[in-house]
N, C-alpha and C. Protein backbone atom coordinates (compact mmCIF):
# COMPACT_ATOMS: atom_id res chain seq x y z
N UNK A 1 6.19 -1.83 -3.95
CA UNK A 1 6.78 -0.54 -3.63
C UNK A 1 6.05 0.56 -4.40
N UNK A 2 5.76 1.62 -3.72
CA UNK A 2 5.02 2.74 -4.31
C UNK A 2 6.00 3.85 -4.64
N UNK A 3 5.95 4.31 -5.88
CA UNK A 3 6.82 5.42 -6.31
C UNK A 3 6.27 6.71 -5.73
N UNK A 4 7.14 7.56 -5.20
CA UNK A 4 6.77 8.84 -4.57
C UNK A 4 5.76 8.63 -3.44
N UNK A 5 6.00 7.60 -2.66
CA UNK A 5 5.10 7.23 -1.58
C UNK A 5 4.89 8.37 -0.59
N UNK A 6 5.96 9.03 -0.20
CA UNK A 6 5.89 10.11 0.79
C UNK A 6 4.93 11.21 0.32
N UNK A 7 5.06 11.62 -0.94
CA UNK A 7 4.21 12.68 -1.48
C UNK A 7 2.75 12.24 -1.56
N UNK A 8 2.53 11.00 -1.99
CA UNK A 8 1.16 10.50 -2.14
C UNK A 8 0.47 10.39 -0.78
N UNK A 9 1.18 9.89 0.21
CA UNK A 9 0.60 9.79 1.55
C UNK A 9 0.31 11.17 2.11
N UNK A 10 1.17 12.14 1.84
CA UNK A 10 0.96 13.51 2.32
C UNK A 10 -0.31 14.11 1.69
N UNK A 11 -0.48 13.89 0.39
CA UNK A 11 -1.67 14.40 -0.30
C UNK A 11 -2.94 13.75 0.27
N UNK A 12 -2.89 12.46 0.50
CA UNK A 12 -4.04 11.76 1.06
C UNK A 12 -4.33 12.27 2.47
N UNK A 13 -3.28 12.43 3.26
CA UNK A 13 -3.42 12.93 4.63
C UNK A 13 -4.12 14.28 4.63
N UNK A 14 -3.71 15.17 3.72
CA UNK A 14 -4.31 16.50 3.64
C UNK A 14 -5.73 16.46 3.10
N UNK A 15 -6.02 15.48 2.26
CA UNK A 15 -7.33 15.40 1.62
C UNK A 15 -8.43 14.93 2.58
N UNK A 16 -8.08 14.10 3.53
CA UNK A 16 -9.07 13.53 4.45
C UNK A 16 -9.54 14.61 5.42
N UNK A 17 -10.86 14.78 5.48
CA UNK A 17 -11.43 15.82 6.34
C UNK A 17 -11.58 15.34 7.78
N UNK A 18 -12.03 14.10 7.94
CA UNK A 18 -12.21 13.58 9.30
C UNK A 18 -10.86 13.12 9.86
N UNK A 19 -10.91 12.42 10.96
CA UNK A 19 -9.68 11.98 11.62
C UNK A 19 -8.88 11.06 10.69
N UNK A 20 -7.58 11.33 10.58
CA UNK A 20 -6.73 10.55 9.71
C UNK A 20 -6.31 9.25 10.40
N UNK A 21 -6.97 8.16 10.02
CA UNK A 21 -6.64 6.86 10.58
C UNK A 21 -6.05 5.99 9.47
N UNK A 22 -5.51 4.87 9.88
CA UNK A 22 -4.94 3.93 8.90
C UNK A 22 -6.01 3.49 7.90
N UNK A 23 -7.20 3.17 8.41
CA UNK A 23 -8.29 2.70 7.53
C UNK A 23 -8.74 3.80 6.56
N UNK A 24 -8.89 5.04 7.05
CA UNK A 24 -9.29 6.15 6.18
C UNK A 24 -8.26 6.38 5.08
N UNK A 25 -7.00 6.35 5.46
CA UNK A 25 -5.94 6.57 4.46
C UNK A 25 -5.90 5.43 3.45
N UNK A 26 -6.09 4.21 3.92
CA UNK A 26 -6.10 3.05 3.02
C UNK A 26 -7.24 3.19 2.00
N UNK A 27 -8.43 3.49 2.46
CA UNK A 27 -9.59 3.64 1.57
C UNK A 27 -9.38 4.79 0.58
N UNK A 28 -8.86 5.90 1.06
CA UNK A 28 -8.62 7.06 0.19
C UNK A 28 -7.55 6.75 -0.84
N UNK A 29 -6.51 6.01 -0.44
CA UNK A 29 -5.46 5.63 -1.38
C UNK A 29 -6.07 4.82 -2.53
N UNK A 30 -6.95 3.88 -2.20
CA UNK A 30 -7.58 3.05 -3.24
C UNK A 30 -8.40 3.90 -4.20
N UNK A 31 -9.05 4.94 -3.68
CA UNK A 31 -9.88 5.82 -4.52
C UNK A 31 -9.02 6.73 -5.39
N UNK A 32 -7.97 7.31 -4.79
CA UNK A 32 -7.18 8.33 -5.47
C UNK A 32 -6.14 7.72 -6.42
N UNK A 33 -5.58 6.58 -6.05
CA UNK A 33 -4.50 5.98 -6.83
C UNK A 33 -4.83 4.55 -7.24
N UNK A 34 -5.85 4.37 -8.08
CA UNK A 34 -6.21 2.99 -8.48
C UNK A 34 -5.13 2.32 -9.32
N UNK A 35 -4.38 3.08 -10.11
CA UNK A 35 -3.33 2.49 -10.94
C UNK A 35 -2.19 1.92 -10.08
N UNK A 36 -1.82 2.65 -9.05
CA UNK A 36 -0.76 2.18 -8.16
C UNK A 36 -1.20 0.93 -7.40
N UNK A 37 -2.48 0.93 -6.97
CA UNK A 37 -3.03 -0.22 -6.26
C UNK A 37 -3.03 -1.45 -7.19
N UNK A 38 -3.43 -1.23 -8.42
CA UNK A 38 -3.45 -2.33 -9.39
C UNK A 38 -2.04 -2.87 -9.61
N UNK A 39 -1.06 -1.98 -9.69
CA UNK A 39 0.32 -2.41 -9.89
C UNK A 39 0.83 -3.22 -8.71
N UNK A 40 0.46 -2.83 -7.48
CA UNK A 40 0.85 -3.61 -6.31
C UNK A 40 0.29 -5.03 -6.39
N UNK A 41 -0.97 -5.15 -6.79
CA UNK A 41 -1.59 -6.47 -6.89
C UNK A 41 -0.95 -7.30 -7.99
N UNK A 42 -0.61 -6.67 -9.11
CA UNK A 42 0.04 -7.38 -10.22
C UNK A 42 1.41 -7.89 -9.80
N UNK A 43 2.17 -7.05 -9.12
CA UNK A 43 3.49 -7.44 -8.65
C UNK A 43 3.40 -8.63 -7.70
N UNK A 44 2.44 -8.59 -6.79
CA UNK A 44 2.24 -9.69 -5.85
C UNK A 44 1.87 -10.98 -6.60
N UNK A 45 0.99 -10.87 -7.56
CA UNK A 45 0.55 -12.03 -8.33
C UNK A 45 1.72 -12.65 -9.12
N UNK A 46 2.52 -11.80 -9.76
CA UNK A 46 3.69 -12.29 -10.52
C UNK A 46 4.67 -12.99 -9.60
N UNK A 47 4.88 -12.41 -8.43
CA UNK A 47 5.82 -13.00 -7.47
C UNK A 47 5.33 -14.37 -7.03
N UNK A 48 4.06 -14.50 -6.74
CA UNK A 48 3.51 -15.79 -6.30
C UNK A 48 3.62 -16.85 -7.38
N UNK A 49 3.41 -16.46 -8.63
CA UNK A 49 3.52 -17.43 -9.73
C UNK A 49 4.95 -17.83 -10.00
N UNK A 50 5.91 -16.96 -9.67
CA UNK A 50 7.30 -17.24 -9.99
C UNK A 50 8.03 -18.06 -8.93
N UNK A 51 7.40 -18.28 -7.78
CA UNK A 51 8.06 -19.04 -6.72
C UNK A 51 8.26 -20.49 -7.17
N UNK A 52 9.41 -21.04 -6.84
CA UNK A 52 9.69 -22.43 -7.15
C UNK A 52 9.12 -23.29 -6.03
N UNK A 53 8.68 -24.47 -6.39
CA UNK A 53 8.09 -25.38 -5.43
C UNK A 53 9.08 -25.68 -4.31
N UNK A 54 8.63 -25.57 -3.07
CA UNK A 54 9.48 -25.89 -1.93
C UNK A 54 10.33 -24.74 -1.44
N UNK A 55 10.45 -23.70 -2.22
CA UNK A 55 11.24 -22.54 -1.82
C UNK A 55 10.28 -21.36 -1.68
N UNK A 56 9.95 -21.05 -0.45
CA UNK A 56 9.01 -19.94 -0.26
C UNK A 56 9.72 -18.75 0.37
N UNK A 57 9.52 -17.64 -0.27
CA UNK A 57 10.00 -16.36 0.26
C UNK A 57 8.73 -15.58 0.58
N UNK A 58 8.46 -15.36 1.86
CA UNK A 58 7.19 -14.71 2.19
C UNK A 58 7.13 -13.27 1.69
N UNK A 59 6.06 -12.97 1.01
CA UNK A 59 5.78 -11.61 0.56
C UNK A 59 4.38 -11.28 1.07
N UNK A 60 4.24 -10.21 1.84
CA UNK A 60 2.91 -9.91 2.37
C UNK A 60 1.94 -9.55 1.25
N UNK A 61 0.68 -9.84 1.50
CA UNK A 61 -0.35 -9.49 0.52
C UNK A 61 -0.37 -7.98 0.35
N UNK A 62 -0.84 -7.50 -0.81
CA UNK A 62 -0.83 -6.04 -1.05
C UNK A 62 -1.55 -5.23 0.02
N UNK A 63 -2.67 -5.77 0.53
CA UNK A 63 -3.42 -5.05 1.56
C UNK A 63 -2.57 -4.87 2.82
N UNK A 64 -1.93 -5.96 3.22
CA UNK A 64 -1.11 -5.95 4.43
C UNK A 64 0.08 -5.00 4.25
N UNK A 65 0.71 -5.09 3.10
CA UNK A 65 1.88 -4.26 2.81
C UNK A 65 1.53 -2.77 2.82
N UNK A 66 0.44 -2.41 2.15
CA UNK A 66 0.05 -1.00 2.09
C UNK A 66 -0.34 -0.48 3.47
N UNK A 67 -1.08 -1.26 4.24
CA UNK A 67 -1.47 -0.84 5.58
C UNK A 67 -0.24 -0.63 6.46
N UNK A 68 0.74 -1.48 6.33
CA UNK A 68 1.97 -1.35 7.12
C UNK A 68 2.70 -0.06 6.75
N UNK A 69 2.81 0.22 5.45
CA UNK A 69 3.48 1.44 5.01
C UNK A 69 2.74 2.68 5.50
N UNK A 70 1.42 2.65 5.47
CA UNK A 70 0.63 3.78 5.98
C UNK A 70 0.84 3.94 7.48
N UNK A 71 0.83 2.82 8.20
CA UNK A 71 1.02 2.85 9.66
C UNK A 71 2.37 3.47 10.02
N UNK A 72 3.42 3.04 9.32
CA UNK A 72 4.75 3.59 9.57
C UNK A 72 4.78 5.08 9.26
N UNK A 73 4.17 5.47 8.15
CA UNK A 73 4.16 6.88 7.76
C UNK A 73 3.41 7.72 8.79
N UNK A 74 2.27 7.22 9.27
CA UNK A 74 1.49 7.97 10.27
C UNK A 74 2.26 8.16 11.57
N UNK A 75 3.04 7.17 11.97
CA UNK A 75 3.82 7.30 13.20
C UNK A 75 4.87 8.39 13.08
N UNK A 76 5.36 8.63 11.86
CA UNK A 76 6.37 9.67 11.66
C UNK A 76 5.76 11.07 11.72
N UNK A 77 4.46 11.16 11.52
CA UNK A 77 3.80 12.49 11.48
C UNK A 77 3.62 13.07 12.85
């Protein structure tokens, strides 16, 4: 989960000069917010290590999760 996601996506959307696509926003997010990206990966890694054998709760990979959040946000625009 990204803190202040709405504001961050808005800033990225405004920063991109060319057409705002999911891929452009994803790449720009990685450049502008490396700490948040790192935190997403850490959270995913901790979750995977904490799962008990035989009990799986699916958690999407950070890349998939972030792309989905961007896609949803773009549809609202």
